[in-house]
Amino acid sequence: MELVFSVTQESDGGFVAECLSHDIFTEGDTWEELRANVREAVAGYFFDQHKPAAVRLHLVRDELLACA
């Protein structure tokens, strides 16, 4: 099993991650902190169950371009 997290970057520079298939949310001030927090959140969520084989972090970037 692979979990997929949708990751967005906040205006303050931090990151927020939301699992697309389970109720797992976390955040981090840096990418490295986010990765560690995702691992911790997944381990906590699946503490008494079989853990997923992999976690995919999908960074979503929303950019608005002016056309005028």
N, C-alpha and C. Protein backbone atom coordinates (compact mmCIF):
# COMPACT_ATOMS: atom_id res chain seq x y z
N MET A 1 0.85 -1.18 0.00
CA MET A 1 0.00 0.00 0.00
C MET A 1 0.90 1.25 0.00
N GLU A 2 0.48 2.24 -0.76
CA GLU A 2 1.18 3.52 -0.82
C GLU A 2 0.20 4.62 -0.44
N LEU A 3 0.62 5.51 0.47
CA LEU A 3 -0.18 6.67 0.82
C LEU A 3 0.28 7.85 -0.01
N VAL A 4 -0.67 8.68 -0.42
CA VAL A 4 -0.35 9.88 -1.18
C VAL A 4 -0.79 11.09 -0.36
N PHE A 5 0.13 12.03 -0.17
CA PHE A 5 -0.16 13.27 0.52
C PHE A 5 -0.12 14.42 -0.47
N SER A 6 -1.12 15.27 -0.42
CA SER A 6 -1.13 16.51 -1.17
C SER A 6 -0.46 17.56 -0.29
N VAL A 7 0.60 18.18 -0.80
CA VAL A 7 1.38 19.14 -0.03
C VAL A 7 1.24 20.51 -0.67
N THR A 8 0.91 21.50 0.14
CA THR A 8 0.86 22.88 -0.34
C THR A 8 1.82 23.72 0.49
N GLN A 9 2.36 24.74 -0.15
CA GLN A 9 3.25 25.66 0.55
C GLN A 9 2.44 26.87 1.00
N GLU A 10 2.56 27.21 2.26
CA GLU A 10 1.82 28.33 2.83
C GLU A 10 2.52 29.64 2.48
N SER A 11 1.81 30.74 2.61
CA SER A 11 2.38 32.05 2.28
C SER A 11 3.56 32.41 3.17
N ASP A 12 3.63 31.83 4.38
CA ASP A 12 4.75 32.10 5.28
C ASP A 12 5.96 31.22 4.98
N GLY A 13 5.84 30.33 3.99
CA GLY A 13 6.95 29.48 3.59
C GLY A 13 6.87 28.06 4.12
N GLY A 14 6.02 27.80 5.10
CA GLY A 14 5.86 26.45 5.64
C GLY A 14 5.06 25.57 4.69
N PHE A 15 4.94 24.30 5.05
CA PHE A 15 4.25 23.32 4.21
C PHE A 15 3.15 22.64 5.02
N VAL A 16 2.05 22.28 4.35
CA VAL A 16 0.95 21.54 4.94
C VAL A 16 0.72 20.30 4.08
N ALA A 17 0.60 19.14 4.73
CA ALA A 17 0.39 17.88 4.01
C ALA A 17 -0.92 17.23 4.46
N GLU A 18 -1.69 16.76 3.49
CA GLU A 18 -2.96 16.09 3.76
C GLU A 18 -3.00 14.78 3.00
N CYS A 19 -3.22 13.69 3.71
CA CYS A 19 -3.34 12.39 3.07
C CYS A 19 -4.65 12.33 2.29
N LEU A 20 -4.60 11.78 1.08
CA LEU A 20 -5.79 11.74 0.22
C LEU A 20 -6.72 10.58 0.55
N SER A 21 -6.22 9.57 1.28
CA SER A 21 -7.05 8.39 1.53
C SER A 21 -7.36 8.14 3.01
N HIS A 22 -6.69 8.83 3.91
CA HIS A 22 -6.91 8.66 5.34
C HIS A 22 -6.92 10.04 6.00
N ASP A 23 -7.44 10.09 7.22
CA ASP A 23 -7.51 11.37 7.95
C ASP A 23 -6.18 11.66 8.64
N ILE A 24 -5.17 11.98 7.85
CA ILE A 24 -3.84 12.29 8.38
C ILE A 24 -3.45 13.65 7.83
N PHE A 25 -3.13 14.56 8.75
CA PHE A 25 -2.72 15.92 8.39
C PHE A 25 -1.49 16.27 9.21
N THR A 26 -0.58 17.02 8.64
CA THR A 26 0.57 17.52 9.38
C THR A 26 1.16 18.71 8.66
N GLU A 27 2.13 19.34 9.29
CA GLU A 27 2.77 20.51 8.69
C GLU A 27 4.22 20.59 9.14
N GLY A 28 4.97 21.45 8.47
CA GLY A 28 6.36 21.67 8.84
C GLY A 28 6.84 23.00 8.30
N ASP A 29 7.79 23.60 9.00
CA ASP A 29 8.34 24.88 8.56
C ASP A 29 9.27 24.73 7.36
N THR A 30 9.92 23.56 7.24
CA THR A 30 10.82 23.28 6.11
C THR A 30 10.40 21.96 5.48
N TRP A 31 10.93 21.69 4.30
CA TRP A 31 10.61 20.43 3.62
C TRP A 31 11.10 19.24 4.44
N GLU A 32 12.30 19.35 5.01
CA GLU A 32 12.84 18.26 5.83
C GLU A 32 11.99 18.02 7.07
N GLU A 33 11.53 19.10 7.71
CA GLU A 33 10.67 18.97 8.88
C GLU A 33 9.34 18.34 8.49
N LEU A 34 8.80 18.73 7.35
CA LEU A 34 7.55 18.14 6.87
C LEU A 34 7.71 16.65 6.65
N ARG A 35 8.80 16.24 6.01
CA ARG A 35 9.03 14.81 5.77
C ARG A 35 9.07 14.03 7.08
N ALA A 36 9.77 14.56 8.07
CA ALA A 36 9.84 13.90 9.37
C ALA A 36 8.47 13.84 10.04
N ASN A 37 7.70 14.93 9.94
CA ASN A 37 6.38 14.97 10.55
C ASN A 37 5.41 14.03 9.85
N VAL A 38 5.53 13.87 8.54
CA VAL A 38 4.68 12.92 7.82
C VAL A 38 4.98 11.51 8.29
N ARG A 39 6.26 11.17 8.39
CA ARG A 39 6.63 9.83 8.88
C ARG A 39 6.06 9.58 10.28
N GLU A 40 6.19 10.57 11.15
CA GLU A 40 5.68 10.44 12.52
C GLU A 40 4.15 10.30 12.53
N ALA A 41 3.46 11.11 11.73
CA ALA A 41 2.00 11.06 11.68
C ALA A 41 1.51 9.72 11.13
N VAL A 42 2.17 9.20 10.11
CA VAL A 42 1.79 7.90 9.54
C VAL A 42 2.03 6.79 10.56
N ALA A 43 3.16 6.83 11.24
CA ALA A 43 3.46 5.82 12.26
C ALA A 43 2.42 5.86 13.38
N GLY A 44 2.02 7.08 13.78
CA GLY A 44 1.01 7.21 14.82
C GLY A 44 -0.36 6.72 14.38
N TYR A 45 -0.72 7.01 13.16
CA TYR A 45 -2.03 6.61 12.63
C TYR A 45 -2.13 5.09 12.51
N PHE A 46 -1.05 4.47 12.06
CA PHE A 46 -1.04 3.02 11.84
C PHE A 46 -0.33 2.28 12.98
N PHE A 47 -0.34 2.82 14.21
CA PHE A 47 0.44 2.24 15.30
C PHE A 47 0.06 0.79 15.60
N ASP A 48 -1.19 0.40 15.40
CA ASP A 48 -1.61 -0.96 15.69
C ASP A 48 -2.05 -1.72 14.43
N GLN A 49 -1.63 -1.22 13.26
CA GLN A 49 -2.00 -1.84 11.99
C GLN A 49 -0.76 -2.01 11.13
N HIS A 50 -0.94 -2.71 10.03
CA HIS A 50 0.15 -2.85 9.06
C HIS A 50 0.44 -1.49 8.44
N LYS A 51 1.70 -1.07 8.49
CA LYS A 51 2.08 0.24 7.96
C LYS A 51 2.22 0.20 6.43
N PRO A 52 1.96 1.31 5.76
CA PRO A 52 2.11 1.35 4.29
C PRO A 52 3.57 1.15 3.89
N ALA A 53 3.76 0.62 2.70
CA ALA A 53 5.11 0.37 2.19
C ALA A 53 5.80 1.66 1.78
N ALA A 54 5.03 2.66 1.36
CA ALA A 54 5.63 3.91 0.87
C ALA A 54 4.65 5.06 1.08
N VAL A 55 5.24 6.26 1.13
CA VAL A 55 4.46 7.49 1.22
C VAL A 55 4.94 8.41 0.11
N ARG A 56 3.99 8.92 -0.66
CA ARG A 56 4.32 9.84 -1.75
C ARG A 56 3.87 11.24 -1.35
N LEU A 57 4.79 12.20 -1.44
CA LEU A 57 4.47 13.60 -1.19
C LEU A 57 4.31 14.30 -2.53
N HIS A 58 3.11 14.77 -2.80
CA HIS A 58 2.80 15.43 -4.07
C HIS A 58 2.68 16.93 -3.81
N LEU A 59 3.70 17.69 -4.22
CA LEU A 59 3.69 19.14 -4.00
C LEU A 59 2.80 19.81 -5.03
N VAL A 60 1.78 20.51 -4.55
CA VAL A 60 0.83 21.22 -5.41
C VAL A 60 1.20 22.69 -5.38
N ARG A 61 1.43 23.24 -6.53
CA ARG A 61 1.79 24.66 -6.61
C ARG A 61 0.68 25.40 -7.36
N ASP A 62 0.14 26.39 -6.71
CA ASP A 62 -0.92 27.19 -7.29
C ASP A 62 -0.34 28.57 -7.61
N GLU A 63 -0.30 28.92 -8.88
CA GLU A 63 0.31 30.18 -9.30
C GLU A 63 -0.65 30.91 -10.23
N LEU A 64 -0.84 32.18 -9.97
CA LEU A 64 -1.71 33.02 -10.79
C LEU A 64 -0.84 33.93 -11.64
N LEU A 65 -1.05 33.89 -12.93
CA LEU A 65 -0.29 34.73 -13.85
C LEU A 65 -1.19 35.81 -14.42
N ALA A 66 -0.72 37.05 -14.39
CA ALA A 66 -1.47 38.16 -14.97
C ALA A 66 -1.30 38.14 -16.49
N CYS A 67 -2.36 38.30 -17.22
CA CYS A 67 -2.30 38.25 -18.68
C CYS A 67 -2.50 39.62 -19.32
N ALA A 68 -2.56 40.65 -18.55
CA ALA A 68 -2.80 41.98 -19.10
C ALA A 68 -1.51 42.73 -19.30
